[in-house]
Each structure stands twice: as C-alpha cells, then as structure tokens.
Amino acid sequence: MGILGEAMRAGRPILAVPRTGPTTPDNPANDQRGFLQRLSAVHPIEVCAEPARLLDHLRRLAAAAPDRVDYRLDCNIPQIVAGFLSARRPSSMGGAERRP
C-alpha cells in the first residue's frame, strides 16, 4: 500500500495486483482486493485480479496510459493539525498546554 501512495504522489500510471492470502489477526490486510476495488473506484488505477491476465493488463496500460496521472490527492490533514495546534494554548498553571 505504501508503494501505491508513492506512485500516486509521483503521478505514475498504476497497475496493481492484489495480494489474496487469508486474513488472520497477525495479517489483517493479507487480502487487498477490497482495498484496491475501493481505491480504483476513486482513482484511475488498473487492477489485475487474475495474475494470468497480467500481460494483457500491461499491454493495455502501455498503449493507453498517459505519462502523468492526476490522482487528486486532496487532503485536509494539514488543516486539522493547524486547527488542533491553534486551539491549544498555555494554561495559567506552569505553562502546560491544554485543550479547551
């Protein structure tokens, strides 16, 4: 999943083959099909659910993919952090910080 994020930030076309192992308490993300299905519904990511068809997917991607992809990675985390930090202020007791 980290590699997908790096490729998206770099604006590269993506062909993803999901891991499909059994999920366990030690490996809850071992089946990536659902994650990739949701991600590809929002972003232009090619998903190869059948590894035997990988070559077909690669050919299609090589023929049609643009050099750069805009994944629209809008994120409001910087605003959330800024709001949190601006809401924190020193208290009158010992300079400790507190939230209102």
N, C-alpha and C. Protein backbone atom coordinates (compact mmCIF):
# COMPACT_ATOMS: atom_id res chain seq x y z
N MET A 1 0.82 -1.19 0.00
CA MET A 1 0.00 0.00 0.00
C MET A 1 0.86 1.25 0.00
N GLY A 2 2.01 1.19 0.64
CA GLY A 2 2.91 2.33 0.63
C GLY A 2 3.45 2.61 -0.76
N ILE A 3 3.71 1.56 -1.52
CA ILE A 3 4.20 1.74 -2.89
C ILE A 3 3.14 2.43 -3.74
N LEU A 4 1.87 2.10 -3.53
CA LEU A 4 0.80 2.78 -4.28
C LEU A 4 0.80 4.27 -3.97
N GLY A 5 0.94 4.62 -2.71
CA GLY A 5 0.99 6.03 -2.33
C GLY A 5 2.14 6.76 -2.99
N GLU A 6 3.31 6.13 -3.02
CA GLU A 6 4.47 6.74 -3.67
C GLU A 6 4.22 6.95 -5.16
N ALA A 7 3.65 5.94 -5.82
CA ALA A 7 3.37 6.05 -7.25
C ALA A 7 2.32 7.13 -7.52
N MET A 8 1.33 7.23 -6.64
CA MET A 8 0.29 8.25 -6.81
C MET A 8 0.88 9.64 -6.64
N ARG A 9 1.71 9.84 -5.61
CA ARG A 9 2.33 11.15 -5.41
C ARG A 9 3.25 11.51 -6.57
N ALA A 10 3.85 10.50 -7.21
CA ALA A 10 4.73 10.74 -8.35
C ALA A 10 3.94 10.91 -9.64
N GLY A 11 2.63 10.67 -9.62
CA GLY A 11 1.80 10.84 -10.80
C GLY A 11 2.00 9.76 -11.86
N ARG A 12 2.40 8.58 -11.44
CA ARG A 12 2.68 7.50 -12.39
C ARG A 12 1.44 6.63 -12.61
N PRO A 13 1.26 6.10 -13.82
CA PRO A 13 0.19 5.13 -14.05
C PRO A 13 0.42 3.90 -13.17
N ILE A 14 -0.66 3.31 -12.68
CA ILE A 14 -0.53 2.19 -11.75
C ILE A 14 -1.30 0.98 -12.26
N LEU A 15 -0.63 -0.15 -12.21
CA LEU A 15 -1.25 -1.46 -12.42
C LEU A 15 -0.98 -2.24 -11.14
N ALA A 16 -2.03 -2.58 -10.41
CA ALA A 16 -1.88 -3.25 -9.13
C ALA A 16 -2.42 -4.67 -9.19
N VAL A 17 -1.66 -5.58 -8.61
CA VAL A 17 -2.08 -6.97 -8.47
C VAL A 17 -2.28 -7.20 -6.97
N PRO A 18 -3.53 -7.39 -6.54
CA PRO A 18 -3.77 -7.50 -5.10
C PRO A 18 -3.27 -8.82 -4.52
N ARG A 19 -2.76 -8.72 -3.32
CA ARG A 19 -2.42 -9.92 -2.55
C ARG A 19 -3.75 -10.54 -2.10
N THR A 20 -3.86 -11.85 -2.17
CA THR A 20 -5.14 -12.50 -1.88
C THR A 20 -5.01 -13.61 -0.85
N GLY A 21 -4.08 -13.49 0.07
CA GLY A 21 -3.91 -14.50 1.10
C GLY A 21 -4.99 -14.43 2.16
N PRO A 22 -5.04 -15.41 3.03
CA PRO A 22 -6.05 -15.40 4.09
C PRO A 22 -5.76 -14.31 5.13
N THR A 23 -6.80 -13.71 5.64
CA THR A 23 -6.63 -12.72 6.68
C THR A 23 -6.61 -13.42 8.04
N THR A 24 -5.74 -12.95 8.90
CA THR A 24 -5.60 -13.51 10.25
C THR A 24 -5.40 -12.33 11.20
N PRO A 25 -5.49 -12.58 12.50
CA PRO A 25 -5.19 -11.48 13.44
C PRO A 25 -3.80 -10.90 13.24
N ASP A 26 -2.84 -11.74 12.84
CA ASP A 26 -1.49 -11.25 12.61
C ASP A 26 -1.32 -10.57 11.25
N ASN A 27 -2.18 -10.91 10.28
CA ASN A 27 -2.13 -10.35 8.93
C ASN A 27 -3.53 -9.92 8.48
N PRO A 28 -4.08 -8.87 9.08
CA PRO A 28 -5.45 -8.48 8.72
C PRO A 28 -5.57 -7.88 7.32
N ALA A 29 -4.45 -7.43 6.73
CA ALA A 29 -4.51 -6.83 5.40
C ALA A 29 -3.96 -7.77 4.34
N ASN A 30 -4.01 -9.06 4.60
CA ASN A 30 -3.44 -10.02 3.66
C ASN A 30 -4.26 -10.14 2.38
N ASP A 31 -5.53 -9.78 2.41
CA ASP A 31 -6.36 -9.78 1.20
C ASP A 31 -6.60 -8.33 0.81
N GLN A 32 -5.98 -7.90 -0.28
CA GLN A 32 -6.02 -6.49 -0.69
C GLN A 32 -7.09 -6.20 -1.74
N ARG A 33 -7.89 -7.18 -2.12
CA ARG A 33 -8.87 -6.97 -3.19
C ARG A 33 -9.86 -5.86 -2.86
N GLY A 34 -10.43 -5.86 -1.67
CA GLY A 34 -11.40 -4.83 -1.30
C GLY A 34 -10.79 -3.44 -1.29
N PHE A 35 -9.60 -3.33 -0.74
CA PHE A 35 -8.90 -2.05 -0.71
C PHE A 35 -8.67 -1.51 -2.11
N LEU A 36 -8.16 -2.36 -3.00
CA LEU A 36 -7.90 -1.91 -4.38
C LEU A 36 -9.18 -1.62 -5.13
N GLN A 37 -10.22 -2.36 -4.85
CA GLN A 37 -11.51 -2.09 -5.51
C GLN A 37 -12.01 -0.71 -5.12
N ARG A 38 -11.94 -0.36 -3.84
CA ARG A 38 -12.38 0.97 -3.40
C ARG A 38 -11.46 2.06 -3.95
N LEU A 39 -10.15 1.81 -3.93
CA LEU A 39 -9.20 2.81 -4.43
C LEU A 39 -9.38 3.04 -5.93
N SER A 40 -9.59 1.99 -6.69
CA SER A 40 -9.74 2.13 -8.15
C SER A 40 -11.09 2.72 -8.53
N ALA A 41 -12.05 2.72 -7.61
CA ALA A 41 -13.34 3.37 -7.88
C ALA A 41 -13.20 4.89 -7.82
N VAL A 42 -12.16 5.37 -7.13
CA VAL A 42 -11.95 6.80 -6.96
C VAL A 42 -10.82 7.32 -7.85
N HIS A 43 -9.82 6.49 -8.10
CA HIS A 43 -8.63 6.90 -8.85
C HIS A 43 -8.43 5.99 -10.06
N PRO A 44 -7.78 6.51 -11.11
CA PRO A 44 -7.54 5.70 -12.31
C PRO A 44 -6.41 4.68 -12.11
N ILE A 45 -6.74 3.62 -11.38
CA ILE A 45 -5.79 2.55 -11.11
C ILE A 45 -6.30 1.29 -11.80
N GLU A 46 -5.44 0.67 -12.57
CA GLU A 46 -5.76 -0.59 -13.24
C GLU A 46 -5.51 -1.72 -12.24
N VAL A 47 -6.51 -2.57 -12.03
CA VAL A 47 -6.37 -3.68 -11.09
C VAL A 47 -6.40 -4.99 -11.88
N CYS A 48 -5.40 -5.80 -11.66
CA CYS A 48 -5.32 -7.12 -12.30
C CYS A 48 -5.68 -8.16 -11.23
N ALA A 49 -6.93 -8.57 -11.22
CA ALA A 49 -7.39 -9.54 -10.21
C ALA A 49 -6.97 -10.96 -10.54
N GLU A 50 -6.62 -11.21 -11.78
CA GLU A 50 -6.19 -12.55 -12.21
C GLU A 50 -4.76 -12.45 -12.73
N PRO A 51 -3.78 -12.91 -11.96
CA PRO A 51 -2.38 -12.80 -12.39
C PRO A 51 -2.11 -13.40 -13.77
N ALA A 52 -2.89 -14.39 -14.20
CA ALA A 52 -2.69 -14.97 -15.53
C ALA A 52 -2.96 -13.96 -16.64
N ARG A 53 -3.70 -12.87 -16.32
CA ARG A 53 -4.01 -11.85 -17.32
C ARG A 53 -3.11 -10.62 -17.19
N LEU A 54 -2.04 -10.74 -16.43
CA LEU A 54 -1.14 -9.61 -16.20
C LEU A 54 -0.58 -9.03 -17.49
N LEU A 55 -0.17 -9.87 -18.41
CA LEU A 55 0.39 -9.38 -19.67
C LEU A 55 -0.64 -8.56 -20.45
N ASP A 56 -1.90 -8.99 -20.48
CA ASP A 56 -2.95 -8.22 -21.15
C ASP A 56 -3.09 -6.84 -20.51
N HIS A 57 -3.09 -6.80 -19.20
CA HIS A 57 -3.21 -5.51 -18.49
C HIS A 57 -2.01 -4.61 -18.79
N LEU A 58 -0.81 -5.18 -18.78
CA LEU A 58 0.39 -4.40 -19.07
C LEU A 58 0.35 -3.82 -20.48
N ARG A 59 -0.07 -4.63 -21.44
CA ARG A 59 -0.16 -4.13 -22.82
C ARG A 59 -1.16 -3.00 -22.93
N ARG A 60 -2.32 -3.15 -22.30
CA ARG A 60 -3.35 -2.11 -22.36
C ARG A 60 -2.85 -0.83 -21.69
N LEU A 61 -2.21 -0.97 -20.55
CA LEU A 61 -1.69 0.19 -19.84
C LEU A 61 -0.59 0.88 -20.64
N ALA A 62 0.31 0.11 -21.24
CA ALA A 62 1.40 0.68 -22.03
C ALA A 62 0.88 1.42 -23.25
N ALA A 63 -0.22 0.94 -23.83
CA ALA A 63 -0.77 1.57 -25.03
C ALA A 63 -1.60 2.81 -24.72
N ALA A 64 -2.22 2.86 -23.56
CA ALA A 64 -3.19 3.92 -23.31
C ALA A 64 -2.85 4.86 -22.16
N ALA A 65 -1.92 4.51 -21.32
CA ALA A 65 -1.66 5.32 -20.13
C ALA A 65 -0.94 6.62 -20.48
N PRO A 66 -1.36 7.73 -19.88
CA PRO A 66 -0.63 8.99 -20.09
C PRO A 66 0.69 8.94 -19.34
N ASP A 67 1.58 9.89 -19.66
CA ASP A 67 2.86 9.96 -18.97
C ASP A 67 2.70 10.36 -17.51
N ARG A 68 1.69 11.19 -17.26
CA ARG A 68 1.45 11.69 -15.89
C ARG A 68 -0.03 11.55 -15.59
N VAL A 69 -0.36 11.11 -14.37
CA VAL A 69 -1.74 10.93 -13.93
C VAL A 69 -2.00 11.85 -12.75
N ASP A 70 -3.14 12.54 -12.78
CA ASP A 70 -3.53 13.41 -11.66
C ASP A 70 -4.46 12.60 -10.76
N TYR A 71 -3.95 12.15 -9.63
CA TYR A 71 -4.74 11.34 -8.71
C TYR A 71 -5.59 12.17 -7.74
N ARG A 72 -5.47 13.49 -7.80
CA ARG A 72 -6.27 14.37 -6.94
C ARG A 72 -6.22 13.93 -5.49
N LEU A 73 -5.06 14.03 -4.92
CA LEU A 73 -4.83 13.58 -3.55
C LEU A 73 -5.11 14.68 -2.55
N ASP A 74 -6.26 15.30 -2.67
CA ASP A 74 -6.65 16.34 -1.73
C ASP A 74 -6.71 15.76 -0.32
N CYS A 75 -6.21 16.52 0.60
CA CYS A 75 -6.16 16.04 1.97
C CYS A 75 -6.35 17.22 2.91
N ASN A 76 -7.17 17.04 3.93
CA ASN A 76 -7.38 18.13 4.88
C ASN A 76 -6.62 17.93 6.18
N ILE A 77 -5.68 17.00 6.21
CA ILE A 77 -4.93 16.76 7.44
C ILE A 77 -4.13 17.98 7.87
N PRO A 78 -3.47 18.73 6.97
CA PRO A 78 -2.77 19.94 7.44
C PRO A 78 -3.71 20.94 8.13
N GLN A 79 -4.92 21.09 7.62
CA GLN A 79 -5.87 22.00 8.25
C GLN A 79 -6.32 21.47 9.62
N ILE A 80 -6.50 20.17 9.74
CA ILE A 80 -6.89 19.58 11.02
C ILE A 80 -5.79 19.81 12.05
N VAL A 81 -4.54 19.57 11.66
CA VAL A 81 -3.42 19.76 12.58
C VAL A 81 -3.30 21.24 12.97
N ALA A 82 -3.42 22.14 11.99
CA ALA A 82 -3.33 23.57 12.30
C ALA A 82 -4.44 24.00 13.25
N GLY A 83 -5.65 23.51 13.03
CA GLY A 83 -6.76 23.83 13.93
C GLY A 83 -6.53 23.31 15.33
N PHE A 84 -6.00 22.09 15.42
CA PHE A 84 -5.70 21.50 16.72
C PHE A 84 -4.64 22.31 17.44
N LEU A 85 -3.57 22.68 16.73
CA LEU A 85 -2.49 23.43 17.35
C LEU A 85 -2.93 24.83 17.75
N SER A 86 -3.78 25.46 16.96
CA SER A 86 -4.22 26.82 17.32
C SER A 86 -5.20 26.79 18.50
N ALA A 87 -5.85 25.66 18.73
CA ALA A 87 -6.79 25.55 19.85
C ALA A 87 -6.05 25.29 21.16
N ARG A 88 -4.81 24.84 21.07
CA ARG A 88 -4.02 24.57 22.28
C ARG A 88 -3.36 25.87 22.71
N ARG A 89 -3.41 26.16 23.98
CA ARG A 89 -2.76 27.37 24.48
C ARG A 89 -2.23 27.10 25.89
N PRO A 90 -1.23 27.85 26.29
CA PRO A 90 -0.68 27.64 27.63
C PRO A 90 -1.73 27.94 28.69
N SER A 91 -1.74 27.13 29.73
CA SER A 91 -2.66 27.39 30.84
C SER A 91 -1.99 28.35 31.81
N SER A 92 -2.72 28.79 32.76
CA SER A 92 -2.17 29.73 33.74
C SER A 92 -1.32 29.01 34.78
N MET A 93 -1.30 27.66 34.73
CA MET A 93 -0.55 26.91 35.74
C MET A 93 0.65 26.23 35.12
N GLY A 94 1.81 26.81 35.27
CA GLY A 94 3.06 26.18 34.89
C GLY A 94 3.32 26.08 33.40
N GLY A 95 2.56 26.76 32.57
CA GLY A 95 2.80 26.76 31.15
C GLY A 95 2.40 25.46 30.45
N ALA A 96 1.72 24.56 31.15
CA ALA A 96 1.29 23.32 30.49
C ALA A 96 0.22 23.62 29.46
N GLU A 97 0.20 22.81 28.44
CA GLU A 97 -0.79 23.01 27.39
C GLU A 97 -2.05 22.21 27.72
N ARG A 98 -3.15 22.75 27.28
CA ARG A 98 -4.43 22.05 27.46
C ARG A 98 -5.31 22.34 26.29
N ARG A 99 -6.26 21.47 26.07
CA ARG A 99 -7.25 21.69 25.03
C ARG A 99 -8.47 22.30 25.68
N PRO A 100 -9.15 23.21 24.95
CA PRO A 100 -10.36 23.81 25.52
C PRO A 100 -11.47 22.80 25.67
